[in-house]
Amino acid sequence: MEKDLQIKLVKKAKKGDAHAFVQLCEMYQVVLYNAAYKLLLNDEDVADCLQETEIRAWQKITNLKNEAAFNTWIFRIMVNSAKDILKKRVKGIEFEEKHVQNGIVDCEIPDLIQELNALSENYRIPLVLYYYAGFSIKEISEQLKMSTNTVKTRLMRGRVKLKNLLEEENNG
């Protein structure tokens, strides 16, 4: 998305223009959905997460200081909403294949998705934000409120754990 358009829409939204805010949300809808799905693993939780993200963002849009950083800001809200949902779950996260049941073809390798979902939240969230949402290490550190070195370490350890899980899957 063009930054000038984003800045213009954010300024309008900060003044109470709901239509401008809806346009902003629509521009990031697909990326937010994909990242939220990688974290939450089911459509119902993703829908709740995205709804909560948009509500929180609308309520706090006037607090956004840097209009050019809207994408990072809304992703931070989405990650926090997803974390809240994950905390509420009673049992462990299980891999679901609803995308196949609904007739939607998933282009990713099922083993990779399953093993990514098997990782703890500490490793899965940075991996999803880095590889699926395309955020830089600095942006991830700001969103998760941790040092860049911690993000780098979790990415490295997450990749190693993911590689080991995939190798076990293929050898077993």
C-alpha atoms as a PDB file:
ATOM      1  CA  MET A   1       0.000   0.000   0.000  1.00  0.00           C
ATOM      2  CA  GLU A   2       1.145   3.475  -0.756  1.00  0.00           C
ATOM      3  CA  LYS A   3       2.352   5.225   2.409  1.00  0.00           C
ATOM      4  CA  ASP A   4       0.885   8.594   1.372  1.00  0.00           C
ATOM      5  CA  LEU A   5      -2.590   7.088   1.095  1.00  0.00           C
ATOM      6  CA  GLN A   6      -2.146   5.292   4.422  1.00  0.00           C
ATOM      7  CA  ILE A   7      -1.083   8.514   6.171  1.00  0.00           C
ATOM      8  CA  LYS A   8      -4.035  10.389   4.661  1.00  0.00           C
ATOM      9  CA  LEU A   9      -6.507   7.704   5.781  1.00  0.00           C
ATOM     10  CA  VAL A  10      -5.011   7.513   9.282  1.00  0.00           C
ATOM     11  CA  LYS A  11      -5.312  11.286   9.695  1.00  0.00           C
ATOM     12  CA  LYS A  12      -8.966  11.116   8.620  1.00  0.00           C
ATOM     13  CA  ALA A  13      -9.625   8.184  10.960  1.00  0.00           C
ATOM     14  CA  LYS A  14      -8.035  10.062  13.861  1.00  0.00           C
ATOM     15  CA  LYS A  15     -10.586  12.818  13.240  1.00  0.00           C
ATOM     16  CA  GLY A  16     -13.418  10.288  13.532  1.00  0.00           C
ATOM     17  CA  ASP A  17     -13.881   9.273   9.884  1.00  0.00           C
ATOM     18  CA  ALA A  18     -15.118   5.684  10.212  1.00  0.00           C
ATOM     19  CA  HIS A  19     -15.067   5.143   6.441  1.00  0.00           C
ATOM     20  CA  ALA A  20     -11.335   5.941   6.310  1.00  0.00           C
ATOM     21  CA  PHE A  21     -10.715   3.517   9.175  1.00  0.00           C
ATOM     22  CA  VAL A  22     -12.657   0.770   7.383  1.00  0.00           C
ATOM     23  CA  GLN A  23     -10.533   1.358   4.269  1.00  0.00           C
ATOM     24  CA  LEU A  24      -7.361   0.993   6.346  1.00  0.00           C
ATOM     25  CA  CYS A  25      -8.586  -2.254   7.880  1.00  0.00           C
ATOM     26  CA  GLU A  26      -9.551  -3.629   4.474  1.00  0.00           C
ATOM     27  CA  MET A  27      -6.063  -2.890   3.138  1.00  0.00           C
ATOM     28  CA  TYR A  28      -4.492  -5.073   5.826  1.00  0.00           C
ATOM     29  CA  GLN A  29      -7.292  -7.638   6.129  1.00  0.00           C
ATOM     30  CA  VAL A  30      -5.624 -10.502   4.242  1.00  0.00           C
ATOM     31  CA  VAL A  31      -2.229 -10.131   5.908  1.00  0.00           C
ATOM     32  CA  LEU A  32      -3.793  -9.809   9.360  1.00  0.00           C
ATOM     33  CA  TYR A  33      -5.985 -12.844   8.742  1.00  0.00           C
ATOM     34  CA  ASN A  34      -3.084 -14.995   7.548  1.00  0.00           C
ATOM     35  CA  ALA A  35      -0.857 -14.047  10.481  1.00  0.00           C
ATOM     36  CA  ALA A  36      -3.687 -14.510  12.997  1.00  0.00           C
ATOM     37  CA  TYR A  37      -4.513 -17.932  11.531  1.00  0.00           C
ATOM     38  CA  LYS A  38      -0.893 -19.042  11.877  1.00  0.00           C
ATOM     39  CA  LEU A  39      -1.049 -18.090  15.551  1.00  0.00           C
ATOM     40  CA  LEU A  40      -4.540 -19.292  16.487  1.00  0.00           C
ATOM     41  CA  LEU A  41      -5.119 -22.228  14.131  1.00  0.00           C
ATOM     42  CA  ASN A  42      -8.883 -21.983  13.739  1.00  0.00           C
ATOM     43  CA  ASP A  43     -11.334 -19.710  11.981  1.00  0.00           C
ATOM     44  CA  GLU A  44     -13.518 -18.937  15.001  1.00  0.00           C
ATOM     45  CA  ASP A  45     -10.614 -17.650  17.089  1.00  0.00           C
ATOM     46  CA  VAL A  46      -9.245 -15.725  14.104  1.00  0.00           C
ATOM     47  CA  ALA A  47     -12.610 -14.021  13.583  1.00  0.00           C
ATOM     48  CA  ASP A  48     -12.728 -13.076  17.276  1.00  0.00           C
ATOM     49  CA  CYS A  49      -9.142 -11.862  17.160  1.00  0.00           C
ATOM     50  CA  LEU A  50      -9.660  -9.686  14.084  1.00  0.00           C
ATOM     51  CA  GLN A  51     -12.873  -8.242  15.456  1.00  0.00           C
ATOM     52  CA  GLU A  52     -11.166  -7.411  18.754  1.00  0.00           C
ATOM     53  CA  THR A  53      -8.195  -5.963  16.849  1.00  0.00           C
ATOM     54  CA  GLU A  54     -10.404  -3.602  14.861  1.00  0.00           C
ATOM     55  CA  ILE A  55     -12.378  -2.541  17.939  1.00  0.00           C
ATOM     56  CA  ARG A  56      -9.220  -1.817  19.930  1.00  0.00           C
ATOM     57  CA  ALA A  57      -7.619  -0.032  16.975  1.00  0.00           C
ATOM     58  CA  TRP A  58     -10.683   2.181  16.439  1.00  0.00           C
ATOM     59  CA  GLN A  59     -10.808   3.042  20.139  1.00  0.00           C
ATOM     60  CA  LYS A  60      -7.095   3.902  20.250  1.00  0.00           C
ATOM     61  CA  ILE A  61      -6.531   5.414  16.773  1.00  0.00           C
ATOM     62  CA  THR A  62      -6.159   8.885  18.255  1.00  0.00           C
ATOM     63  CA  ASN A  63      -3.175   7.640  20.304  1.00  0.00           C
ATOM     64  CA  LEU A  64      -1.214   6.669  17.180  1.00  0.00           C
ATOM     65  CA  LYS A  65       1.611   9.187  16.933  1.00  0.00           C
ATOM     66  CA  ASN A  66       3.244   8.105  13.673  1.00  0.00           C
ATOM     67  CA  GLU A  67       0.653   7.712  10.912  1.00  0.00           C
ATOM     68  CA  ALA A  68       3.222   5.960   8.697  1.00  0.00           C
ATOM     69  CA  ALA A  69       3.537   3.175  11.297  1.00  0.00           C
ATOM     70  CA  PHE A  70      -0.132   2.116  11.150  1.00  0.00           C
ATOM     71  CA  ASN A  71       0.694  -1.357   9.836  1.00  0.00           C
ATOM     72  CA  THR A  72       3.125  -2.101  12.663  1.00  0.00           C
ATOM     73  CA  TRP A  73       0.712  -0.633  15.187  1.00  0.00           C
ATOM     74  CA  ILE A  74      -2.299  -2.696  14.063  1.00  0.00           C
ATOM     75  CA  PHE A  75      -0.164  -5.853  13.923  1.00  0.00           C
ATOM     76  CA  ARG A  76       0.924  -5.273  17.510  1.00  0.00           C
ATOM     77  CA  ILE A  77      -2.746  -4.986  18.487  1.00  0.00           C
ATOM     78  CA  MET A  78      -3.545  -8.193  16.571  1.00  0.00           C
ATOM     79  CA  VAL A  79      -0.690 -10.101  18.234  1.00  0.00           C
ATOM     80  CA  ASN A  80      -1.820  -8.931  21.675  1.00  0.00           C
ATOM     81  CA  SER A  81      -5.409  -9.955  20.888  1.00  0.00           C
ATOM     82  CA  ALA A  82      -4.178 -13.359  19.710  1.00  0.00           C
ATOM     83  CA  LYS A  83      -2.125 -13.780  22.888  1.00  0.00           C
ATOM     84  CA  ASP A  84      -5.212 -13.002  24.969  1.00  0.00           C
ATOM     85  CA  ILE A  85      -7.158 -15.695  23.112  1.00  0.00           C
ATOM     86  CA  LEU A  86      -4.337 -18.222  23.509  1.00  0.00           C
ATOM     87  CA  LYS A  87      -4.222 -17.554  27.256  1.00  0.00           C
ATOM     88  CA  LYS A  88      -7.936 -18.343  27.522  1.00  0.00           C
ATOM     89  CA  ARG A  89      -7.605 -21.764  25.959  1.00  0.00           C
ATOM     90  CA  VAL A  90      -7.888 -24.566  28.472  1.00  0.00           C
ATOM     91  CA  LYS A  91      -6.202 -27.351  26.531  1.00  0.00           C
ATOM     92  CA  GLY A  92      -3.203 -27.330  24.192  1.00  0.00           C
ATOM     93  CA  ILE A  93      -3.423 -26.155  20.624  1.00  0.00           C
ATOM     94  CA  GLU A  94      -4.229 -28.872  18.110  1.00  0.00           C
ATOM     95  CA  PHE A  95      -3.673 -28.693  14.383  1.00  0.00           C
ATOM     96  CA  GLU A  96      -6.949 -28.427  12.489  1.00  0.00           C
ATOM     97  CA  GLU A  97      -7.479 -28.953   8.807  1.00  0.00           C
ATOM     98  CA  LYS A  98     -10.610 -26.884   8.348  1.00  0.00           C
ATOM     99  CA  HIS A  99      -9.094 -25.343   5.222  1.00  0.00           C
ATOM    100  CA  VAL A 100      -9.362 -28.768   3.554  1.00  0.00           C
ATOM    101  CA  GLN A 101     -12.879 -29.472   4.856  1.00  0.00           C
ATOM    102  CA  ASN A 102     -14.115 -26.128   3.525  1.00  0.00           C
ATOM    103  CA  GLY A 103     -12.703 -26.869   0.090  1.00  0.00           C
ATOM    104  CA  ILE A 104     -10.008 -24.223   0.281  1.00  0.00           C
ATOM    105  CA  VAL A 105      -6.730 -25.455  -1.116  1.00  0.00           C
ATOM    106  CA  ASP A 106      -3.763 -24.759   1.152  1.00  0.00           C
ATOM    107  CA  CYS A 107      -0.593 -24.259  -0.844  1.00  0.00           C
ATOM    108  CA  GLU A 108       1.724 -24.808   2.091  1.00  0.00           C
ATOM    109  CA  ILE A 109       3.342 -28.081   3.100  1.00  0.00           C
ATOM    110  CA  PRO A 110       1.069 -29.695   5.726  1.00  0.00           C
ATOM    111  CA  ASP A 111       4.038 -31.092   7.688  1.00  0.00           C
ATOM    112  CA  LEU A 112       5.562 -27.625   7.984  1.00  0.00           C
ATOM    113  CA  ILE A 113       2.288 -26.124   9.217  1.00  0.00           C
ATOM    114  CA  GLN A 114       1.719 -28.931  11.681  1.00  0.00           C
ATOM    115  CA  GLU A 115       5.235 -28.700  13.087  1.00  0.00           C
ATOM    116  CA  LEU A 116       5.108 -24.888  13.213  1.00  0.00           C
ATOM    117  CA  ASN A 117       1.922 -25.194  15.251  1.00  0.00           C
ATOM    118  CA  ALA A 118       3.672 -27.645  17.578  1.00  0.00           C
ATOM    119  CA  LEU A 119       6.209 -24.983  18.580  1.00  0.00           C
ATOM    120  CA  SER A 120       5.659 -23.004  21.744  1.00  0.00           C
ATOM    121  CA  GLU A 121       4.205 -19.503  21.473  1.00  0.00           C
ATOM    122  CA  ASN A 122       7.656 -18.003  22.226  1.00  0.00           C
ATOM    123  CA  TYR A 123       9.008 -19.350  18.949  1.00  0.00           C
ATOM    124  CA  ARG A 124       5.882 -19.522  16.792  1.00  0.00           C
ATOM    125  CA  ILE A 125       4.890 -15.845  17.100  1.00  0.00           C
ATOM    126  CA  PRO A 126       8.259 -14.400  15.998  1.00  0.00           C
ATOM    127  CA  LEU A 127       8.513 -16.964  13.163  1.00  0.00           C
ATOM    128  CA  VAL A 128       5.026 -16.099  11.879  1.00  0.00           C
ATOM    129  CA  LEU A 129       5.644 -12.360  12.105  1.00  0.00           C
ATOM    130  CA  TYR A 130       9.014 -12.648  10.363  1.00  0.00           C
ATOM    131  CA  TYR A 131       8.294 -15.186   7.632  1.00  0.00           C
ATOM    132  CA  TYR A 132       4.553 -14.863   7.021  1.00  0.00           C
ATOM    133  CA  ALA A 133       3.840 -11.209   7.822  1.00  0.00           C
ATOM    134  CA  GLY A 134       7.206  -9.920   6.605  1.00  0.00           C
ATOM    135  CA  PHE A 135       8.138  -7.802   9.606  1.00  0.00           C
ATOM    136  CA  SER A 136      11.733  -6.885  10.328  1.00  0.00           C
ATOM    137  CA  ILE A 137      13.452  -7.984  13.520  1.00  0.00           C
ATOM    138  CA  LYS A 138      13.251  -4.419  14.814  1.00  0.00           C
ATOM    139  CA  GLU A 139       9.498  -4.237  14.143  1.00  0.00           C
ATOM    140  CA  ILE A 140       8.946  -7.599  15.851  1.00  0.00           C
ATOM    141  CA  SER A 141      10.938  -6.459  18.883  1.00  0.00           C
ATOM    142  CA  GLU A 142       8.761  -3.338  19.130  1.00  0.00           C
ATOM    143  CA  GLN A 143       5.538  -5.328  18.766  1.00  0.00           C
ATOM    144  CA  LEU A 144       6.476  -7.964  21.305  1.00  0.00           C
ATOM    145  CA  LYS A 145       8.245  -5.503  23.614  1.00  0.00           C
ATOM    146  CA  MET A 146      11.518  -7.411  23.725  1.00  0.00           C
ATOM    147  CA  SER A 147      15.070  -6.696  22.615  1.00  0.00           C
ATOM    148  CA  THR A 148      16.181  -7.339  19.044  1.00  0.00           C
ATOM    149  CA  ASN A 149      18.683  -9.877  20.381  1.00  0.00           C
ATOM    150  CA  THR A 150      15.850 -11.816  22.044  1.00  0.00           C
ATOM    151  CA  VAL A 151      13.923 -11.819  18.758  1.00  0.00           C
ATOM    152  CA  LYS A 152      16.996 -13.025  16.857  1.00  0.00           C
ATOM    153  CA  THR A 153      17.584 -15.764  19.422  1.00  0.00           C
ATOM    154  CA  ARG A 154      13.966 -16.926  19.313  1.00  0.00           C
ATOM    155  CA  LEU A 155      13.978 -16.932  15.506  1.00  0.00           C
ATOM    156  CA  MET A 156      17.192 -18.965  15.451  1.00  0.00           C
ATOM    157  CA  ARG A 157      16.029 -21.412  18.116  1.00  0.00           C
ATOM    158  CA  GLY A 158      12.596 -21.643  16.515  1.00  0.00           C
ATOM    159  CA  ARG A 159      14.144 -22.511  13.141  1.00  0.00           C
ATOM    160  CA  VAL A 160      16.334 -25.171  14.773  1.00  0.00           C
ATOM    161  CA  LYS A 161      13.364 -26.678  16.648  1.00  0.00           C
ATOM    162  CA  LEU A 162      11.253 -26.597  13.496  1.00  0.00           C
ATOM    163  CA  LYS A 163      14.025 -28.267  11.488  1.00  0.00           C
ATOM    164  CA  ASN A 164      14.409 -30.981  14.136  1.00  0.00           C
ATOM    165  CA  LEU A 165      10.646 -31.602  14.236  1.00  0.00           C
ATOM    166  CA  LEU A 166      10.514 -31.875  10.444  1.00  0.00           C
ATOM    167  CA  GLU A 167      13.489 -34.243  10.371  1.00  0.00           C
ATOM    168  CA  GLU A 168      11.882 -36.437  13.051  1.00  0.00           C
ATOM    169  CA  GLU A 169       8.635 -36.455  11.036  1.00  0.00           C
ATOM    170  CA  ASN A 170      10.440 -37.490   7.848  1.00  0.00           C
ATOM    171  CA  ASN A 171      12.621 -40.098   9.565  1.00  0.00           C
ATOM    172  CA  GLY A 172       9.836 -41.521  11.717  1.00  0.00           C
END
